[in-house]
Amino acid sequence: MNAWIKPVAPLVLAALLAGCRGGGAFLLGTALGASVVTAAVVSSRPPPPPQVVYAPPPRPGHDWQPGYWVLRDDRWEWIDGHWVANHPGYAWQPAHWVEDPDQRWRLIPGGWVPAR
């Protein structure tokens, strides 16, 4: 085993286990402080309509990730919205569902994209 793998492997395993959620989807806190869905979440049926939730007023230095649905164990579960700390040079792209051409629904995880 490579010399660098042994010391790094426990850290990677700890991060995976700490971020593991029900339904087989892994949610990991990234170095940027945001949660990212790393397992594909695909459904043959569309997610329910978004819940009507009070959106808090803007918070300096943060972007708002609106709430969204995830499919866990064949049940829809609502993930509450939350603040994500800004990072210079990047913009937050919120998690959202899209319908593929084959009429399957796919969750696009939230993440940082280079600012324009």
C-alpha atoms as a PDB file:
ATOM      1  CA  MET A   1       0.000   0.000   0.000  1.00  0.00           C
ATOM      2  CA  ASN A   2       1.349   3.446  -0.848  1.00  0.00           C
ATOM      3  CA  ALA A   3       2.851   5.299   2.105  1.00  0.00           C
ATOM      4  CA  TRP A   4       0.351   8.177   1.831  1.00  0.00           C
ATOM      5  CA  ILE A   5      -2.769   5.966   1.661  1.00  0.00           C
ATOM      6  CA  LYS A   6      -2.480   4.483   5.162  1.00  0.00           C
ATOM      7  CA  PRO A   7      -2.602   7.833   7.026  1.00  0.00           C
ATOM      8  CA  VAL A   8      -5.284   9.290   4.725  1.00  0.00           C
ATOM      9  CA  ALA A   9      -7.656   6.277   4.607  1.00  0.00           C
ATOM     10  CA  PRO A  10      -8.994   6.676   8.179  1.00  0.00           C
ATOM     11  CA  LEU A  11      -9.738  10.350   7.525  1.00  0.00           C
ATOM     12  CA  VAL A  12     -11.663   9.558   4.345  1.00  0.00           C
ATOM     13  CA  LEU A  13     -13.585   6.769   6.088  1.00  0.00           C
ATOM     14  CA  ALA A  14     -14.431   9.066   9.024  1.00  0.00           C
ATOM     15  CA  ALA A  15     -15.724  11.729   6.635  1.00  0.00           C
ATOM     16  CA  LEU A  16     -17.872   9.198   4.782  1.00  0.00           C
ATOM     17  CA  LEU A  17     -19.317   7.712   7.959  1.00  0.00           C
ATOM     18  CA  ALA A  18     -19.977  11.117   9.508  1.00  0.00           C
ATOM     19  CA  GLY A  19     -21.821  12.224   6.386  1.00  0.00           C
ATOM     20  CA  CYS A  20     -23.779   9.031   5.761  1.00  0.00           C
ATOM     21  CA  ARG A  21     -27.562   9.447   5.804  1.00  0.00           C
ATOM     22  CA  GLY A  22     -30.461   7.002   5.343  1.00  0.00           C
ATOM     23  CA  GLY A  23     -31.386   5.746   1.906  1.00  0.00           C
ATOM     24  CA  GLY A  24     -27.856   5.149   0.745  1.00  0.00           C
ATOM     25  CA  ALA A  25     -27.115   8.764  -0.203  1.00  0.00           C
ATOM     26  CA  PHE A  26     -23.882  10.123   1.202  1.00  0.00           C
ATOM     27  CA  LEU A  27     -23.859  13.716   2.342  1.00  0.00           C
ATOM     28  CA  LEU A  28     -20.389  15.042   3.022  1.00  0.00           C
ATOM     29  CA  GLY A  29     -19.420  18.354   4.533  1.00  0.00           C
ATOM     30  CA  THR A  30     -16.921  19.751   2.072  1.00  0.00           C
ATOM     31  CA  ALA A  31     -13.991  21.950   2.924  1.00  0.00           C
ATOM     32  CA  LEU A  32     -16.225  24.833   1.859  1.00  0.00           C
ATOM     33  CA  GLY A  33     -18.776  23.967   4.536  1.00  0.00           C
ATOM     34  CA  ALA A  34     -21.604  22.881   2.230  1.00  0.00           C
ATOM     35  CA  SER A  35     -23.289  19.497   2.033  1.00  0.00           C
ATOM     36  CA  VAL A  36     -23.062  17.685  -1.263  1.00  0.00           C
ATOM     37  CA  VAL A  37     -25.051  14.684  -2.462  1.00  0.00           C
ATOM     38  CA  THR A  38     -22.477  12.267  -3.834  1.00  0.00           C
ATOM     39  CA  ALA A  39     -24.789   9.368  -4.703  1.00  0.00           C
ATOM     40  CA  ALA A  40     -27.118   9.644  -7.677  1.00  0.00           C
ATOM     41  CA  VAL A  41     -30.718  10.275  -6.678  1.00  0.00           C
ATOM     42  CA  VAL A  42     -33.018   9.340  -9.559  1.00  0.00           C
ATOM     43  CA  SER A  43     -36.770   8.786  -9.586  1.00  0.00           C
ATOM     44  CA  SER A  44     -39.286   7.656 -12.178  1.00  0.00           C
ATOM     45  CA  ARG A  45     -41.852   9.964 -10.570  1.00  0.00           C
ATOM     46  CA  PRO A  46     -41.480  13.713 -10.029  1.00  0.00           C
ATOM     47  CA  PRO A  47     -40.803  15.103  -6.564  1.00  0.00           C
ATOM     48  CA  PRO A  48     -43.759  16.659  -4.727  1.00  0.00           C
ATOM     49  CA  PRO A  49     -44.244  20.428  -5.123  1.00  0.00           C
ATOM     50  CA  PRO A  50     -41.857  22.456  -2.947  1.00  0.00           C
ATOM     51  CA  GLN A  51     -43.174  23.235   0.508  1.00  0.00           C
ATOM     52  CA  VAL A  52     -44.173  26.839   1.084  1.00  0.00           C
ATOM     53  CA  VAL A  53     -41.684  27.991   3.675  1.00  0.00           C
ATOM     54  CA  TYR A  54     -40.787  31.405   5.050  1.00  0.00           C
ATOM     55  CA  ALA A  55     -37.561  32.533   3.404  1.00  0.00           C
ATOM     56  CA  PRO A  56     -35.436  34.528   5.826  1.00  0.00           C
ATOM     57  CA  PRO A  57     -34.143  37.975   4.869  1.00  0.00           C
ATOM     58  CA  PRO A  58     -30.730  38.133   3.191  1.00  0.00           C
ATOM     59  CA  ARG A  59     -27.794  37.387   5.474  1.00  0.00           C
ATOM     60  CA  PRO A  60     -24.493  39.162   4.697  1.00  0.00           C
ATOM     61  CA  GLY A  61     -21.780  36.784   3.549  1.00  0.00           C
ATOM     62  CA  HIS A  62     -24.188  33.894   2.888  1.00  0.00           C
ATOM     63  CA  ASP A  63     -26.336  32.378   0.140  1.00  0.00           C
ATOM     64  CA  TRP A  64     -29.660  30.649   0.772  1.00  0.00           C
ATOM     65  CA  GLN A  65     -30.104  27.005  -0.223  1.00  0.00           C
ATOM     66  CA  PRO A  66     -33.899  26.590  -0.509  1.00  0.00           C
ATOM     67  CA  GLY A  67     -35.465  23.415   0.847  1.00  0.00           C
ATOM     68  CA  TYR A  68     -35.909  20.464  -1.519  1.00  0.00           C
ATOM     69  CA  TRP A  69     -37.179  16.890  -1.592  1.00  0.00           C
ATOM     70  CA  VAL A  70     -35.008  13.764  -1.491  1.00  0.00           C
ATOM     71  CA  LEU A  71     -36.130  10.198  -2.069  1.00  0.00           C
ATOM     72  CA  ARG A  72     -35.126   7.850   0.762  1.00  0.00           C
ATOM     73  CA  ASP A  73     -36.352   4.275   1.019  1.00  0.00           C
ATOM     74  CA  ASP A  74     -39.073   5.033  -1.566  1.00  0.00           C
ATOM     75  CA  ARG A  75     -40.405   7.938   0.544  1.00  0.00           C
ATOM     76  CA  TRP A  76     -40.094  11.645  -0.173  1.00  0.00           C
ATOM     77  CA  GLU A  77     -38.405  13.567   2.642  1.00  0.00           C
ATOM     78  CA  TRP A  78     -38.135  17.350   2.848  1.00  0.00           C
ATOM     79  CA  ILE A  79     -34.694  18.878   3.461  1.00  0.00           C
ATOM     80  CA  ASP A  80     -35.048  22.290   5.107  1.00  0.00           C
ATOM     81  CA  GLY A  81     -33.419  25.324   3.542  1.00  0.00           C
ATOM     82  CA  HIS A  82     -30.241  26.616   5.107  1.00  0.00           C
ATOM     83  CA  TRP A  83     -27.570  29.278   4.811  1.00  0.00           C
ATOM     84  CA  VAL A  84     -24.323  28.520   2.986  1.00  0.00           C
ATOM     85  CA  ALA A  85     -21.320  30.776   3.673  1.00  0.00           C
ATOM     86  CA  ASN A  86     -20.098  32.693   0.605  1.00  0.00           C
ATOM     87  CA  HIS A  87     -16.709  31.976  -0.926  1.00  0.00           C
ATOM     88  CA  PRO A  88     -14.914  34.683  -2.936  1.00  0.00           C
ATOM     89  CA  GLY A  89     -14.905  33.990  -6.651  1.00  0.00           C
ATOM     90  CA  TYR A  90     -17.738  31.428  -6.459  1.00  0.00           C
ATOM     91  CA  ALA A  91     -21.531  31.461  -6.598  1.00  0.00           C
ATOM     92  CA  TRP A  92     -23.814  28.908  -4.926  1.00  0.00           C
ATOM     93  CA  GLN A  93     -25.922  26.844  -7.334  1.00  0.00           C
ATOM     94  CA  PRO A  94     -28.834  25.460  -5.245  1.00  0.00           C
ATOM     95  CA  ALA A  95     -29.834  21.794  -5.272  1.00  0.00           C
ATOM     96  CA  HIS A  96     -32.768  21.191  -7.622  1.00  0.00           C
ATOM     97  CA  TRP A  97     -34.590  18.489  -9.580  1.00  0.00           C
ATOM     98  CA  VAL A  98     -34.534  18.197 -13.386  1.00  0.00           C
ATOM     99  CA  GLU A  99     -36.415  15.873 -15.698  1.00  0.00           C
ATOM    100  CA  ASP A 100     -34.193  13.953 -18.110  1.00  0.00           C
ATOM    101  CA  PRO A 101     -35.254  13.317 -21.726  1.00  0.00           C
ATOM    102  CA  ASP A 102     -36.105   9.733 -20.713  1.00  0.00           C
ATOM    103  CA  GLN A 103     -38.715  11.150 -18.270  1.00  0.00           C
ATOM    104  CA  ARG A 104     -36.736  10.250 -15.152  1.00  0.00           C
ATOM    105  CA  TRP A 105     -36.129  12.836 -12.461  1.00  0.00           C
ATOM    106  CA  ARG A 106     -32.609  13.544 -11.216  1.00  0.00           C
ATOM    107  CA  LEU A 107     -31.492  15.576  -8.196  1.00  0.00           C
ATOM    108  CA  ILE A 108     -28.753  18.044  -9.090  1.00  0.00           C
ATOM    109  CA  PRO A 109     -26.818  18.676  -5.873  1.00  0.00           C
ATOM    110  CA  GLY A 110     -26.060  22.178  -4.709  1.00  0.00           C
ATOM    111  CA  GLY A 111     -22.495  23.295  -5.197  1.00  0.00           C
ATOM    112  CA  TRP A 112     -20.079  26.092  -5.872  1.00  0.00           C
ATOM    113  CA  VAL A 113     -19.515  27.279  -9.438  1.00  0.00           C
ATOM    114  CA  PRO A 114     -17.030  29.921 -10.590  1.00  0.00           C
ATOM    115  CA  ALA A 115     -18.588  33.408 -10.480  1.00  0.00           C
ATOM    116  CA  ARG A 116     -18.989  35.172 -13.781  1.00  0.00           C
END
